[in-house]
Each structure stands twice: as C-alpha cells, then as structure tokens.
C-alpha atoms as a PDB file:
ATOM      1  CA  UNK A   1     149.762  50.405  54.853  1.00  0.00           C
ATOM      2  CA  UNK A   2     149.125  53.467  56.947  1.00  0.00           C
ATOM      3  CA  UNK A   3     145.444  52.455  57.189  1.00  0.00           C
ATOM      4  CA  UNK A   4     146.548  49.107  58.650  1.00  0.00           C
ATOM      5  CA  UNK A   5     148.871  50.875  61.082  1.00  0.00           C
ATOM      6  CA  UNK A   6     146.146  53.317  62.143  1.00  0.00           C
ATOM      7  CA  UNK A   7     143.605  50.570  62.733  1.00  0.00           C
ATOM      8  CA  UNK A   8     146.090  48.493  64.745  1.00  0.00           C
ATOM      9  CA  UNK A   9     147.063  51.601  66.720  1.00  0.00           C
ATOM     10  CA  UNK A  10     143.389  52.344  67.497  1.00  0.00           C
ATOM     11  CA  UNK A  11     142.831  48.713  68.515  1.00  0.00           C
ATOM     12  CA  UNK A  12     145.880  48.753  70.804  1.00  0.00           C
ATOM     13  CA  UNK A  13     144.753  51.992  72.450  1.00  0.00           C
ATOM     14  CA  UNK A  14     141.258  50.558  72.975  1.00  0.00           C
ATOM     15  CA  UNK A  15     142.702  47.337  74.488  1.00  0.00           C
ATOM     16  CA  UNK A  16     144.859  49.443  76.828  1.00  0.00           C
ATOM     17  CA  UNK A  17     141.849  51.447  77.982  1.00  0.00           C
ATOM     18  CA  UNK A  18     139.814  48.295  78.590  1.00  0.00           C
ATOM     19  CA  UNK A  19     142.711  46.784  80.556  1.00  0.00           C
ATOM     20  CA  UNK A  20     142.978  49.932  82.699  1.00  0.00           C
ATOM     21  CA  UNK A  21     139.215  49.937  83.347  1.00  0.00           C
ATOM     22  CA  UNK A  22     139.319  46.234  84.246  1.00  0.00           C
ATOM     23  CA  UNK A  23     142.204  46.757  86.675  1.00  0.00           C
ATOM     24  CA  UNK A  24     140.456  49.729  88.267  1.00  0.00           C
ATOM     25  CA  UNK A  25     137.225  47.762  88.662  1.00  0.00           C
ATOM     26  CA  UNK A  26     139.152  44.839  90.193  1.00  0.00           C
ATOM     27  CA  UNK A  27     140.806  47.177  92.696  1.00  0.00           C
ATOM     28  CA  UNK A  28     137.430  48.702  93.583  1.00  0.00           C
ATOM     29  CA  UNK A  29     135.977  45.238  94.001  1.00  0.00           C
ATOM     30  CA  UNK A  30     138.815  44.238  96.333  1.00  0.00           C
ATOM     31  CA  UNK A  31     138.500  47.331  98.464  1.00  0.00           C
ATOM     32  CA  UNK A  32     135.682  47.236 100.943  1.00  0.00           C
ATOM     33  CA  UNK A  33     133.049  49.842 100.403  1.00  0.00           C
ATOM     34  CA  UNK A  34     132.502  52.531 103.028  1.00  0.00           C
ATOM     35  CA  UNK A  35     129.277  50.843 104.140  1.00  0.00           C
ATOM     36  CA  UNK A  36     131.044  47.486 104.427  1.00  0.00           C
ATOM     37  CA  UNK A  37     133.735  49.093 106.597  1.00  0.00           C
ATOM     38  CA  UNK A  38     131.129  50.739 108.831  1.00  0.00           C
ATOM     39  CA  UNK A  39     129.259  47.469 109.177  1.00  0.00           C
ATOM     40  CA  UNK A  40     132.469  45.579 109.999  1.00  0.00           C
ATOM     41  CA  UNK A  41     133.485  48.250 112.537  1.00  0.00           C
ATOM     42  CA  UNK A  42     130.083  47.973 114.221  1.00  0.00           C
ATOM     43  CA  UNK A  43     130.395  44.199 114.362  1.00  0.00           C
ATOM     44  CA  UNK A  44     133.840  44.366 115.977  1.00  0.00           C
ATOM     45  CA  UNK A  45     132.678  47.105 118.335  1.00  0.00           C
ATOM     46  CA  UNK A  46     129.766  44.992 119.560  1.00  0.00           C
ATOM     47  CA  UNK A  47     131.784  41.850 120.183  1.00  0.00           C
ATOM     48  CA  UNK A  48     134.719  43.679 121.762  1.00  0.00           C
ATOM     49  CA  UNK A  49     132.421  45.835 123.909  1.00  0.00           C
ATOM     50  CA  UNK A  50     131.114  42.646 125.509  1.00  0.00           C
ATOM     51  CA  UNK A  51     134.681  41.504 126.148  1.00  0.00           C
ATOM     52  CA  UNK A  52     135.542  44.907 127.652  1.00  0.00           C
ATOM     53  CA  UNK A  53     132.469  44.846 129.884  1.00  0.00           C
ATOM     54  CA  UNK A  54     133.318  41.408 131.274  1.00  0.00           C
ATOM     55  CA  UNK A  55     136.983  42.262 131.871  1.00  0.00           C
ATOM     56  CA  UNK A  56     136.252  45.555 133.657  1.00  0.00           C
ATOM     57  CA  UNK A  57     133.511  43.970 135.792  1.00  0.00           C
ATOM     58  CA  UNK A  58     135.877  41.188 136.821  1.00  0.00           C
ATOM     59  CA  UNK A  59     138.465  43.753 137.939  1.00  0.00           C
ATOM     60  CA  UNK A  60     135.822  45.707 139.879  1.00  0.00           C
ATOM     61  CA  UNK A  61     134.560  42.523 141.545  1.00  0.00           C
ATOM     62  CA  UNK A  62     137.994  41.904 143.067  1.00  0.00           C
ATOM     63  CA  UNK A  63     138.221  45.294 144.782  1.00  0.00           C
ATOM     64  CA  UNK A  64     135.352  46.329 147.069  1.00  0.00           C
ATOM     65  CA  UNK A  65     134.102  49.854 146.527  1.00  0.00           C
ATOM     66  CA  UNK A  66     134.507  49.992 142.761  1.00  0.00           C
ATOM     67  CA  UNK A  67     131.457  51.027 140.756  1.00  0.00           C
ATOM     68  CA  UNK A  68     131.045  50.368 137.053  1.00  0.00           C
ATOM     69  CA  UNK A  69     129.547  52.424 134.266  1.00  0.00           C
ATOM     70  CA  UNK A  70     128.901  51.823 130.601  1.00  0.00           C
ATOM     71  CA  UNK A  71     130.556  54.162 128.126  1.00  0.00           C
ATOM     72  CA  UNK A  72     128.937  55.106 124.844  1.00  0.00           C
ATOM     73  CA  UNK A  73     128.853  58.071 122.557  1.00  0.00           C
ATOM     74  CA  UNK A  74     131.459  60.393 121.063  1.00  0.00           C
ATOM     75  CA  UNK A  75     134.323  58.976 123.137  1.00  0.00           C
ATOM     76  CA  UNK A  76     133.547  55.395 122.231  1.00  0.00           C
ATOM     77  CA  UNK A  77     131.817  52.292 123.535  1.00  0.00           C
ATOM     78  CA  UNK A  78     133.126  50.330 126.446  1.00  0.00           C
ATOM     79  CA  UNK A  79     133.153  50.136 130.203  1.00  0.00           C
ATOM     80  CA  UNK A  80     134.746  51.870 133.161  1.00  0.00           C
ATOM     81  CA  UNK A  81     135.115  51.159 136.855  1.00  0.00           C
ATOM     82  CA  UNK A  82     136.020  53.759 139.441  1.00  0.00           C
ATOM     83  CA  UNK A  83     136.153  54.552 143.133  1.00  0.00           C
ATOM     84  CA  UNK A  84     136.689  57.569 145.337  1.00  0.00           C
ATOM     85  CA  UNK A  85     138.538  57.042 148.590  1.00  0.00           C
ATOM     86  CA  UNK A  86     138.713  59.435 151.486  1.00  0.00           C
ATOM     87  CA  UNK A  87     141.916  59.370 153.525  1.00  0.00           C
ATOM     88  CA  UNK A  88     142.438  61.109 156.826  1.00  0.00           C
ATOM     89  CA  UNK A  89     146.065  61.589 157.868  1.00  0.00           C
ATOM     90  CA  UNK A  90     146.750  63.586 161.030  1.00  0.00           C
ATOM     91  CA  UNK A  91     143.457  65.402 160.662  1.00  0.00           C
ATOM     92  CA  UNK A  92     144.048  66.226 156.996  1.00  0.00           C
ATOM     93  CA  UNK A  93     141.562  65.019 154.484  1.00  0.00           C
ATOM     94  CA  UNK A  94     142.416  63.908 150.951  1.00  0.00           C
ATOM     95  CA  UNK A  95     140.373  62.363 148.157  1.00  0.00           C
ATOM     96  CA  UNK A  96     141.965  59.608 146.103  1.00  0.00           C
ATOM     97  CA  UNK A  97     140.406  58.719 142.782  1.00  0.00           C
ATOM     98  CA  UNK A  98     140.990  55.489 140.852  1.00  0.00           C
ATOM     99  CA  UNK A  99     139.544  54.536 137.466  1.00  0.00           C
ATOM    100  CA  UNK A 100     139.964  51.989 134.688  1.00  0.00           C
ATOM    101  CA  UNK A 101     138.418  52.807 131.331  1.00  0.00           C
ATOM    102  CA  UNK A 102     138.575  50.726 128.154  1.00  0.00           C
ATOM    103  CA  UNK A 103     136.630  51.605 124.999  1.00  0.00           C
ATOM    104  CA  UNK A 104     136.416  51.207 121.247  1.00  0.00           C
ATOM    105  CA  UNK A 105     136.411  54.620 119.580  1.00  0.00           C
ATOM    106  CA  UNK A 106     133.720  55.468 117.022  1.00  0.00           C
ATOM    107  CA  UNK A 107     134.147  54.909 113.292  1.00  0.00           C
ATOM    108  CA  UNK A 108     136.061  57.682 111.562  1.00  0.00           C
ATOM    109  CA  UNK A 109     137.344  58.500 108.102  1.00  0.00           C
ATOM    110  CA  UNK A 110     140.673  56.903 109.119  1.00  0.00           C
ATOM    111  CA  UNK A 111     138.949  53.520 108.666  1.00  0.00           C
ATOM    112  CA  UNK A 112     140.591  51.940 111.716  1.00  0.00           C
ATOM    113  CA  UNK A 113     139.383  50.026 114.731  1.00  0.00           C
ATOM    114  CA  UNK A 114     140.782  51.970 117.678  1.00  0.00           C
ATOM    115  CA  UNK A 115     140.980  50.598 121.226  1.00  0.00           C
ATOM    116  CA  UNK A 116     141.803  53.007 124.016  1.00  0.00           C
ATOM    117  CA  UNK A 117     142.603  52.296 127.635  1.00  0.00           C
ATOM    118  CA  UNK A 118     143.208  54.603 130.545  1.00  0.00           C
ATOM    119  CA  UNK A 119     144.135  53.748 134.100  1.00  0.00           C
ATOM    120  CA  UNK A 120     144.341  55.993 137.161  1.00  0.00           C
ATOM    121  CA  UNK A 121     145.302  54.817 140.635  1.00  0.00           C
ATOM    122  CA  UNK A 122     145.093  57.118 143.649  1.00  0.00           C
ATOM    123  CA  UNK A 123     145.033  60.314 141.542  1.00  0.00           C
ATOM    124  CA  UNK A 124     147.944  59.220 139.336  1.00  0.00           C
ATOM    125  CA  UNK A 125     147.550  58.225 135.727  1.00  0.00           C
ATOM    126  CA  UNK A 126     149.375  54.930 135.335  1.00  0.00           C
ATOM    127  CA  UNK A 127     148.678  54.355 131.660  1.00  0.00           C
ATOM    128  CA  UNK A 128     146.983  55.945 128.689  1.00  0.00           C
ATOM    129  CA  UNK A 129     147.127  53.680 125.660  1.00  0.00           C
ATOM    130  CA  UNK A 130     145.713  53.331 122.231  1.00  0.00           C
ATOM    131  CA  UNK A 131     145.929  50.436 119.784  1.00  0.00           C
ATOM    132  CA  UNK A 132     144.492  50.448 116.296  1.00  0.00           C
ATOM    133  CA  UNK A 133     144.446  48.489 113.050  1.00  0.00           C
ATOM    134  CA  UNK A 134     142.860  49.015 109.654  1.00  0.00           C
ATOM    135  CA  UNK A 135     139.369  47.617 109.795  1.00  0.00           C
ATOM    136  CA  UNK A 136     140.037  45.262 106.882  1.00  0.00           C
ATOM    137  CA  UNK A 137     143.120  43.871 108.700  1.00  0.00           C
ATOM    138  CA  UNK A 138     141.695  43.516 112.234  1.00  0.00           C
ATOM    139  CA  UNK A 139     142.498  40.401 114.230  1.00  0.00           C
ATOM    140  CA  UNK A 140     139.747  40.281 116.899  1.00  0.00           C
ATOM    141  CA  UNK A 141     141.784  37.889 119.038  1.00  0.00           C
ATOM    142  CA  UNK A 142     144.630  40.393 119.237  1.00  0.00           C
ATOM    143  CA  UNK A 143     142.232  43.093 120.462  1.00  0.00           C
ATOM    144  CA  UNK A 144     140.661  40.661 122.964  1.00  0.00           C
ATOM    145  CA  UNK A 145     144.103  39.781 124.360  1.00  0.00           C
ATOM    146  CA  UNK A 146     144.951  43.463 124.766  1.00  0.00           C
ATOM    147  CA  UNK A 147     141.720  44.072 126.665  1.00  0.00           C
ATOM    148  CA  UNK A 148     142.591  41.255 129.085  1.00  0.00           C
ATOM    149  CA  UNK A 149     146.197  42.419 129.386  1.00  0.00           C
ATOM    150  CA  UNK A 150     145.262  46.015 130.186  1.00  0.00           C
ATOM    151  CA  UNK A 151     142.631  44.954 132.747  1.00  0.00           C
ATOM    152  CA  UNK A 152     145.031  42.542 134.477  1.00  0.00           C
ATOM    153  CA  UNK A 153     147.834  45.109 134.466  1.00  0.00           C
ATOM    154  CA  UNK A 154     145.525  47.683 136.039  1.00  0.00           C
ATOM    155  CA  UNK A 155     144.465  45.231 138.756  1.00  0.00           C
ATOM    156  CA  UNK A 156     148.101  44.470 139.570  1.00  0.00           C
ATOM    157  CA  UNK A 157     149.070  48.152 139.739  1.00  0.00           C
ATOM    158  CA  UNK A 158     146.007  49.059 141.788  1.00  0.00           C
ATOM    159  CA  UNK A 159     146.705  46.241 144.267  1.00  0.00           C
ATOM    160  CA  UNK A 160     150.347  47.332 144.603  1.00  0.00           C
ATOM    161  CA  UNK A 161     149.686  51.058 145.029  1.00  0.00           C
ATOM    162  CA  UNK A 162     146.532  50.925 147.147  1.00  0.00           C
ATOM    163  CA  UNK A 163     148.155  48.653 149.742  1.00  0.00           C
ATOM    164  CA  UNK A 164     150.729  51.271 150.656  1.00  0.00           C
END
C-alpha cells in the first residue's frame, strides 16, 4: 500500500508543478513584453505628439508674437510656443517671458505614458503638471482631452494676465 501512496503522491506533486508552470506561462502571456510596451509607447507618442503640435500652434496663432518650436529628445516629444516682450515703464526696461510647453516623456522602466505640461505667463509659472498611466491601461482620448484642456487654460490665463 505504501507503493500506491508513493506513486499517488509523486503524481500529485507533478500535477501541482505542471499547474504552477501553466499559471506562470498564462501570466507571462497576459503581460505585454518589454518590446510590446516600447512599441505601444511609441505609437501613443506619435499620435499624441500630433495632437500636441496642433493644440500649441492654435494657441500661438491667436496671440501675435508667439513663436513655436518642436521638442524632442531626453525631455520628451511635443511642442512649445513662446514670446519675449519688452516693457518700458517710466524709462525702466523689463523683459517678460511667456511659454507653453506640452510633451510626452520618453519611455522608461516605469512603463508609463507620461504627459507633462508647463505654462509661464509674463515671467510667472502658472502651471507645471504631469499626468501618467500604465502603458497597457492608456486611454488615448483621455490624454487628448488633457492636451486640449491645458492649451485652452493657458490661452485663457495668458489673455487675462497680458491684458493688464
């Protein structure tokens, strides 16, 4: 009887190991590979960069004197618009700098899609924001809405502060 017990015990242990291997392989299959995540990040970056470019250009088009520049590299991919104003008050000269910058940060080991936005009006930073989501859970529409919201908010704040 002990031979029967030993053989059943060995069979049970083997079934348990196979079950564990199957579950581990299923989890690996469900998780996106590193290359898949990089590819997905690049895809989102490209489509959202176009959205960023259009939004920033539309803001710049509404305010004469703004210049635009493309952003790419270590800080991310996106667009910025900026202007330098010279003010003379009672013979005193002052430079006033305004800038809107929106970009998607590069892929990192955090495996997130990271959107950053920065706004400066007349030498004062009015916002510095970041929004991120795991690459596998990204909703591109949510990121696109944020891009529009930040650009519109900047335009409103610039119009209010530069009119003074």
